[in-house]
């Protein structure tokens, strides 16, 4: 969920791409600046272990995972 945006349901791969686009926009000095973003495993772990990311003061993006079973 992004501020001023509608909620979207995406695949795991789409979520990883979305997160890869947001990480470089983080303004504050964080652990994210020292990580190797070329590894897909990093983003999978981040998606599953963290549920929000502050891009700049007062601007936080959030996500959550749900399982959608095919009928």
PDB file of N, CA and C in Angstrom:
ATOM      1  N   UNK A   1       0.850  -1.167   0.000  1.00  0.00           N
ATOM      2  CA  UNK A   1       0.000   0.000   0.000  1.00  0.00           C
ATOM      3  C   UNK A   1       0.896   1.230   0.000  1.00  0.00           C
ATOM      4  N   UNK A   2       0.632   2.110  -0.923  1.00  0.00           N
ATOM      5  CA  UNK A   2       1.385   3.345  -1.012  1.00  0.00           C
ATOM      6  C   UNK A   2       0.448   4.494  -0.664  1.00  0.00           C
ATOM      7  N   UNK A   3       0.974   5.532  -0.001  1.00  0.00           N
ATOM      8  CA  UNK A   3       0.118   6.680   0.285  1.00  0.00           C
ATOM      9  C   UNK A   3      -0.512   7.209  -1.011  1.00  0.00           C
ATOM     10  N   UNK A   4      -1.764   7.558  -0.952  1.00  0.00           N
ATOM     11  CA  UNK A   4      -2.507   8.111  -2.094  1.00  0.00           C
ATOM     12  C   UNK A   4      -2.656   7.138  -3.262  1.00  0.00           C
ATOM     13  N   UNK A   5      -2.517   5.847  -3.023  1.00  0.00           N
ATOM     14  CA  UNK A   5      -2.696   4.847  -4.072  1.00  0.00           C
ATOM     15  C   UNK A   5      -3.685   3.789  -3.611  1.00  0.00           C
ATOM     16  N   UNK A   6      -4.311   3.140  -4.578  1.00  0.00           N
ATOM     17  CA  UNK A   6      -5.240   2.072  -4.256  1.00  0.00           C
ATOM     18  C   UNK A   6      -4.478   0.797  -3.918  1.00  0.00           C
ATOM     19  N   UNK A   7      -5.097  -0.037  -3.112  1.00  0.00           N
ATOM     20  CA  UNK A   7      -4.525  -1.337  -2.764  1.00  0.00           C
ATOM     21  C   UNK A   7      -4.468  -2.210  -4.008  1.00  0.00           C
ATOM     22  N   UNK A   8      -3.379  -2.980  -4.146  1.00  0.00           N
ATOM     23  CA  UNK A   8      -3.225  -3.877  -5.294  1.00  0.00           C
ATOM     24  C   UNK A   8      -2.901  -5.274  -4.797  1.00  0.00           C
ATOM     25  N   UNK A   9      -3.359  -6.258  -5.524  1.00  0.00           N
ATOM     26  CA  UNK A   9      -2.975  -7.641  -5.275  1.00  0.00           C
ATOM     27  C   UNK A   9      -2.006  -8.019  -6.388  1.00  0.00           C
ATOM     28  N   UNK A  10      -0.813  -8.461  -5.993  1.00  0.00           N
ATOM     29  CA  UNK A  10       0.222  -8.777  -6.971  1.00  0.00           C
ATOM     30  C   UNK A  10       0.836 -10.133  -6.650  1.00  0.00           C
ATOM     31  N   UNK A  11       1.547 -10.669  -7.610  1.00  0.00           N
ATOM     32  CA  UNK A  11       2.282 -11.904  -7.390  1.00  0.00           C
ATOM     33  C   UNK A  11       3.545 -11.608  -6.587  1.00  0.00           C
ATOM     34  N   UNK A  12       4.191 -12.651  -6.119  1.00  0.00           N
ATOM     35  CA  UNK A  12       5.439 -12.477  -5.373  1.00  0.00           C
ATOM     36  C   UNK A  12       6.486 -11.788  -6.246  1.00  0.00           C
ATOM     37  N   UNK A  13       6.590 -12.178  -7.492  1.00  0.00           N
ATOM     38  CA  UNK A  13       7.565 -11.571  -8.398  1.00  0.00           C
ATOM     39  C   UNK A  13       7.259 -10.097  -8.634  1.00  0.00           C
ATOM     40  N   UNK A  14       5.999  -9.756  -8.798  1.00  0.00           N
ATOM     41  CA  UNK A  14       5.620  -8.351  -8.976  1.00  0.00           C
ATOM     42  C   UNK A  14       5.941  -7.538  -7.722  1.00  0.00           C
ATOM     43  N   UNK A  15       5.752  -8.153  -6.555  1.00  0.00           N
ATOM     44  CA  UNK A  15       6.070  -7.469  -5.299  1.00  0.00           C
ATOM     45  C   UNK A  15       7.566  -7.213  -5.175  1.00  0.00           C
ATOM     46  N   UNK A  16       8.376  -8.155  -5.614  1.00  0.00           N
ATOM     47  CA  UNK A  16       9.827  -7.975  -5.580  1.00  0.00           C
ATOM     48  C   UNK A  16      10.241  -6.832  -6.490  1.00  0.00           C
ATOM     49  N   UNK A  17       9.690  -6.768  -7.666  1.00  0.00           N
ATOM     50  CA  UNK A  17       9.993  -5.668  -8.592  1.00  0.00           C
ATOM     51  C   UNK A  17       9.569  -4.334  -7.981  1.00  0.00           C
ATOM     52  N   UNK A  18       8.395  -4.290  -7.378  1.00  0.00           N
ATOM     53  CA  UNK A  18       7.883  -3.086  -6.724  1.00  0.00           C
ATOM     54  C   UNK A  18       8.837  -2.637  -5.622  1.00  0.00           C
ATOM     55  N   UNK A  19       9.292  -3.580  -4.808  1.00  0.00           N
ATOM     56  CA  UNK A  19      10.195  -3.260  -3.708  1.00  0.00           C
ATOM     57  C   UNK A  19      11.555  -2.800  -4.231  1.00  0.00           C
ATOM     58  N   UNK A  20      12.042  -3.438  -5.286  1.00  0.00           N
ATOM     59  CA  UNK A  20      13.317  -3.024  -5.883  1.00  0.00           C
ATOM     60  C   UNK A  20      13.251  -1.575  -6.366  1.00  0.00           C
ATOM     61  N   UNK A  21      12.102  -1.143  -6.813  1.00  0.00           N
ATOM     62  CA  UNK A  21      11.947   0.243  -7.270  1.00  0.00           C
ATOM     63  C   UNK A  21      11.910   1.233  -6.114  1.00  0.00           C
ATOM     64  N   UNK A  22      11.450   0.800  -4.949  1.00  0.00           N
ATOM     65  CA  UNK A  22      11.346   1.698  -3.799  1.00  0.00           C
ATOM     66  C   UNK A  22      12.631   1.819  -2.998  1.00  0.00           C
ATOM     67  N   UNK A  23      13.397   0.758  -2.860  1.00  0.00           N
ATOM     68  CA  UNK A  23      14.588   0.762  -2.007  1.00  0.00           C
ATOM     69  C   UNK A  23      15.545   1.922  -2.333  1.00  0.00           C
ATOM     70  N   UNK A  24      15.850   2.207  -3.586  1.00  0.00           N
ATOM     71  CA  UNK A  24      16.787   3.303  -3.866  1.00  0.00           C
ATOM     72  C   UNK A  24      16.260   4.685  -3.468  1.00  0.00           C
ATOM     73  N   UNK A  25      14.965   4.793  -3.213  1.00  0.00           N
ATOM     74  CA  UNK A  25      14.370   6.087  -2.875  1.00  0.00           C
ATOM     75  C   UNK A  25      14.425   6.401  -1.384  1.00  0.00           C
ATOM     76  N   UNK A  26      14.910   5.450  -0.578  1.00  0.00           N
ATOM     77  CA  UNK A  26      14.989   5.670   0.869  1.00  0.00           C
ATOM     78  C   UNK A  26      15.967   6.803   1.134  1.00  0.00           C
ATOM     79  N   UNK A  27      15.499   7.833   1.857  1.00  0.00           N
ATOM     80  CA  UNK A  27      16.328   9.008   2.112  1.00  0.00           C
ATOM     81  C   UNK A  27      17.253   8.853   3.308  1.00  0.00           C
ATOM     82  N   UNK A  28      16.784   8.214   4.352  1.00  0.00           N
ATOM     83  CA  UNK A  28      17.575   8.147   5.579  1.00  0.00           C
ATOM     84  C   UNK A  28      18.672   7.100   5.478  1.00  0.00           C
ATOM     85  N   UNK A  29      19.685   7.277   6.291  1.00  0.00           N
ATOM     86  CA  UNK A  29      20.782   6.319   6.339  1.00  0.00           C
ATOM     87  C   UNK A  29      20.307   5.073   7.071  1.00  0.00           C
ATOM     88  N   UNK A  30      20.233   3.966   6.360  1.00  0.00           N
ATOM     89  CA  UNK A  30      19.717   2.727   6.947  1.00  0.00           C
ATOM     90  C   UNK A  30      20.575   1.550   6.538  1.00  0.00           C
ATOM     91  N   UNK A  31      20.237   0.421   7.083  1.00  0.00           N
ATOM     92  CA  UNK A  31      20.939  -0.807   6.705  1.00  0.00           C
ATOM     93  C   UNK A  31      20.722  -1.143   5.238  1.00  0.00           C
ATOM     94  N   UNK A  32      19.669  -0.635   4.642  1.00  0.00           N
ATOM     95  CA  UNK A  32      19.356  -0.960   3.255  1.00  0.00           C
ATOM     96  C   UNK A  32      20.407  -0.444   2.280  1.00  0.00           C
ATOM     97  N   UNK A  33      21.137   0.591   2.662  1.00  0.00           N
ATOM     98  CA  UNK A  33      22.125   1.179   1.761  1.00  0.00           C
ATOM     99  C   UNK A  33      23.358   0.304   1.587  1.00  0.00           C
ATOM    100  N   UNK A  34      23.596  -0.620   2.503  1.00  0.00           N
ATOM    101  CA  UNK A  34      24.795  -1.447   2.449  1.00  0.00           C
ATOM    102  C   UNK A  34      24.546  -2.853   1.932  1.00  0.00           C
ATOM    103  N   UNK A  35      23.384  -3.121   1.420  1.00  0.00           N
ATOM    104  CA  UNK A  35      23.051  -4.470   0.988  1.00  0.00           C
ATOM    105  C   UNK A  35      23.243  -4.647  -0.513  1.00  0.00           C
ATOM    106  N   UNK A  36      23.456  -5.883  -0.896  1.00  0.00           N
ATOM    107  CA  UNK A  36      23.611  -6.242  -2.303  1.00  0.00           C
ATOM    108  C   UNK A  36      22.228  -6.497  -2.899  1.00  0.00           C
ATOM    109  N   UNK A  37      21.741  -5.563  -3.677  1.00  0.00           N
ATOM    110  CA  UNK A  37      20.387  -5.661  -4.221  1.00  0.00           C
ATOM    111  C   UNK A  37      20.295  -6.538  -5.455  1.00  0.00           C
ATOM    112  N   UNK A  38      21.398  -7.106  -5.880  1.00  0.00           N
ATOM    113  CA  UNK A  38      21.348  -7.984  -7.044  1.00  0.00           C
ATOM    114  C   UNK A  38      20.826  -9.372  -6.685  1.00  0.00           C
ATOM    115  N   UNK A  39      20.769  -9.677  -5.396  1.00  0.00           N
ATOM    116  CA  UNK A  39      20.323 -10.996  -4.957  1.00  0.00           C
ATOM    117  C   UNK A  39      18.809 -11.012  -4.723  1.00  0.00           C
ATOM    118  N   UNK A  40      18.131 -11.829  -5.473  1.00  0.00           N
ATOM    119  CA  UNK A  40      16.672 -11.954  -5.368  1.00  0.00           C
ATOM    120  C   UNK A  40      16.256 -12.446  -3.976  1.00  0.00           C
ATOM    121  N   UNK A  41      17.094 -13.289  -3.368  1.00  0.00           N
ATOM    122  CA  UNK A  41      16.781 -13.834  -2.053  1.00  0.00           C
ATOM    123  C   UNK A  41      16.620 -12.739  -1.002  1.00  0.00           C
ATOM    124  N   UNK A  42      17.393 -11.665  -1.135  1.00  0.00           N
ATOM    125  CA  UNK A  42      17.291 -10.556  -0.199  1.00  0.00           C
ATOM    126  C   UNK A  42      15.879  -9.979  -0.213  1.00  0.00           C
ATOM    127  N   UNK A  43      15.332  -9.767  -1.391  1.00  0.00           N
ATOM    128  CA  UNK A  43      14.005  -9.175  -1.505  1.00  0.00           C
ATOM    129  C   UNK A  43      12.918 -10.126  -1.025  1.00  0.00           C
ATOM    130  N   UNK A  44      13.093 -11.405  -1.272  1.00  0.00           N
ATOM    131  CA  UNK A  44      12.128 -12.387  -0.764  1.00  0.00           C
ATOM    132  C   UNK A  44      12.102 -12.350   0.760  1.00  0.00           C
ATOM    133  N   UNK A  45      13.273 -12.303   1.375  1.00  0.00           N
ATOM    134  CA  UNK A  45      13.357 -12.242   2.834  1.00  0.00           C
ATOM    135  C   UNK A  45      12.768 -10.939   3.363  1.00  0.00           C
ATOM    136  N   UNK A  46      13.070  -9.838   2.710  1.00  0.00           N
ATOM    137  CA  UNK A  46      12.540  -8.544   3.138  1.00  0.00           C
ATOM    138  C   UNK A  46      11.018  -8.513   3.051  1.00  0.00           C
ATOM    139  N   UNK A  47      10.460  -9.064   1.981  1.00  0.00           N
ATOM    140  CA  UNK A  47       9.007  -9.099   1.836  1.00  0.00           C
ATOM    141  C   UNK A  47       8.343  -9.918   2.933  1.00  0.00           C
ATOM    142  N   UNK A  48       8.985 -10.990   3.340  1.00  0.00           N
ATOM    143  CA  UNK A  48       8.386 -11.884   4.321  1.00  0.00           C
ATOM    144  C   UNK A  48       8.660 -11.491   5.769  1.00  0.00           C
ATOM    145  N   UNK A  49       9.718 -10.725   6.012  1.00  0.00           N
ATOM    146  CA  UNK A  49      10.089 -10.412   7.392  1.00  0.00           C
ATOM    147  C   UNK A  49       9.789  -8.975   7.804  1.00  0.00           C
ATOM    148  N   UNK A  50       9.555  -8.111   6.862  1.00  0.00           N
ATOM    149  CA  UNK A  50       9.306  -6.699   7.126  1.00  0.00           C
ATOM    150  C   UNK A  50       8.003  -6.327   6.440  1.00  0.00           C
ATOM    151  N   UNK A  51       7.276  -5.394   7.028  1.00  0.00           N
ATOM    152  CA  UNK A  51       5.973  -5.060   6.441  1.00  0.00           C
ATOM    153  C   UNK A  51       5.799  -3.580   6.163  1.00  0.00           C
ATOM    154  N   UNK A  52       6.865  -2.812   6.374  1.00  0.00           N
ATOM    155  CA  UNK A  52       6.793  -1.404   6.009  1.00  0.00           C
ATOM    156  C   UNK A  52       8.190  -0.858   5.808  1.00  0.00           C
ATOM    157  N   UNK A  53       8.265   0.240   5.071  1.00  0.00           N
ATOM    158  CA  UNK A  53       9.537   0.868   4.782  1.00  0.00           C
ATOM    159  C   UNK A  53       9.304   2.373   4.733  1.00  0.00           C
ATOM    160  N   UNK A  54      10.040   3.113   5.554  1.00  0.00           N
ATOM    161  CA  UNK A  54       9.909   4.572   5.536  1.00  0.00           C
ATOM    162  C   UNK A  54      10.829   5.112   4.446  1.00  0.00           C
ATOM    163  N   UNK A  55      10.230   5.707   3.436  1.00  0.00           N
ATOM    164  CA  UNK A  55      10.977   6.255   2.310  1.00  0.00           C
ATOM    165  C   UNK A  55      11.595   7.587   2.702  1.00  0.00           C
ATOM    166  N   UNK A  56      10.792   8.426   3.315  1.00  0.00           N
ATOM    167  CA  UNK A  56      11.247   9.692   3.881  1.00  0.00           C
ATOM    168  C   UNK A  56      10.356   9.980   5.075  1.00  0.00           C
ATOM    169  N   UNK A  57      10.716  10.937   5.862  1.00  0.00           N
ATOM    170  CA  UNK A  57       9.959  11.229   7.068  1.00  0.00           C
ATOM    171  C   UNK A  57       8.482  11.436   6.728  1.00  0.00           C
ATOM    172  N   UNK A  58       7.627  10.624   7.335  1.00  0.00           N
ATOM    173  CA  UNK A  58       6.188  10.744   7.132  1.00  0.00           C
ATOM    174  C   UNK A  58       5.647  10.031   5.905  1.00  0.00           C
ATOM    175  N   UNK A  59       6.499   9.423   5.105  1.00  0.00           N
ATOM    176  CA  UNK A  59       6.053   8.712   3.901  1.00  0.00           C
ATOM    177  C   UNK A  59       6.475   7.253   4.024  1.00  0.00           C
ATOM    178  N   UNK A  60       5.524   6.427   4.421  1.00  0.00           N
ATOM    179  CA  UNK A  60       5.790   5.011   4.696  1.00  0.00           C
ATOM    180  C   UNK A  60       4.971   4.157   3.742  1.00  0.00           C
ATOM    181  N   UNK A  61       5.627   3.194   3.122  1.00  0.00           N
ATOM    182  CA  UNK A  61       4.903   2.221   2.316  1.00  0.00           C
ATOM    183  C   UNK A  61       4.776   0.945   3.143  1.00  0.00           C
ATOM    184  N   UNK A  62       3.659   0.247   2.970  1.00  0.00           N
ATOM    185  CA  UNK A  62       3.387  -0.966   3.741  1.00  0.00           C
ATOM    186  C   UNK A  62       2.898  -2.057   2.816  1.00  0.00           C
ATOM    187  N   UNK A  63       3.130  -3.284   3.244  1.00  0.00           N
ATOM    188  CA  UNK A  63       2.634  -4.422   2.476  1.00  0.00           C
ATOM    189  C   UNK A  63       2.296  -5.562   3.421  1.00  0.00           C
ATOM    190  N   UNK A  64       1.531  -6.483   2.920  1.00  0.00           N
ATOM    191  CA  UNK A  64       1.219  -7.690   3.668  1.00  0.00           C
ATOM    192  C   UNK A  64       0.994  -8.819   2.682  1.00  0.00           C
ATOM    193  N   UNK A  65       1.234 -10.008   3.141  1.00  0.00           N
ATOM    194  CA  UNK A  65       1.084 -11.169   2.264  1.00  0.00           C
ATOM    195  C   UNK A  65      -0.158 -11.937   2.614  1.00  0.00           C
ATOM    196  N   UNK A  66      -0.835 -12.402   1.598  1.00  0.00           N
ATOM    197  CA  UNK A  66      -1.992 -13.281   1.768  1.00  0.00           C
ATOM    198  C   UNK A  66      -1.850 -14.408   0.754  1.00  0.00           C
ATOM    199  N   UNK A  67      -2.430 -15.522   1.080  1.00  0.00           N
ATOM    200  CA  UNK A  67      -2.406 -16.639   0.137  1.00  0.00           C
ATOM    201  C   UNK A  67      -3.761 -16.665  -0.581  1.00  0.00           C
ATOM    202  N   UNK A  68      -3.697 -16.676  -1.876  1.00  0.00           N
ATOM    203  CA  UNK A  68      -4.912 -16.755  -2.692  1.00  0.00           C
ATOM    204  C   UNK A  68      -4.878 -18.100  -3.393  1.00  0.00           C
ATOM    205  N   UNK A  69      -5.779 -18.975  -3.004  1.00  0.00           N
ATOM    206  CA  UNK A  69      -5.859 -20.302  -3.607  1.00  0.00           C
ATOM    207  C   UNK A  69      -6.716 -20.249  -4.862  1.00  0.00           C
ATOM    208  N   UNK A  70      -6.261 -20.915  -5.889  1.00  0.00           N
ATOM    209  CA  UNK A  70      -7.046 -21.029  -7.115  1.00  0.00           C
ATOM    210  C   UNK A  70      -8.160 -22.033  -6.887  1.00  0.00           C
ATOM    211  N   UNK A  71      -9.325 -21.743  -7.424  1.00  0.00           N
ATOM    212  CA  UNK A  71     -10.466 -22.665  -7.289  1.00  0.00           C
ATOM    213  C   UNK A  71     -10.371 -23.795  -8.280  1.00  0.00           C
TER     214      UNK A  71
END
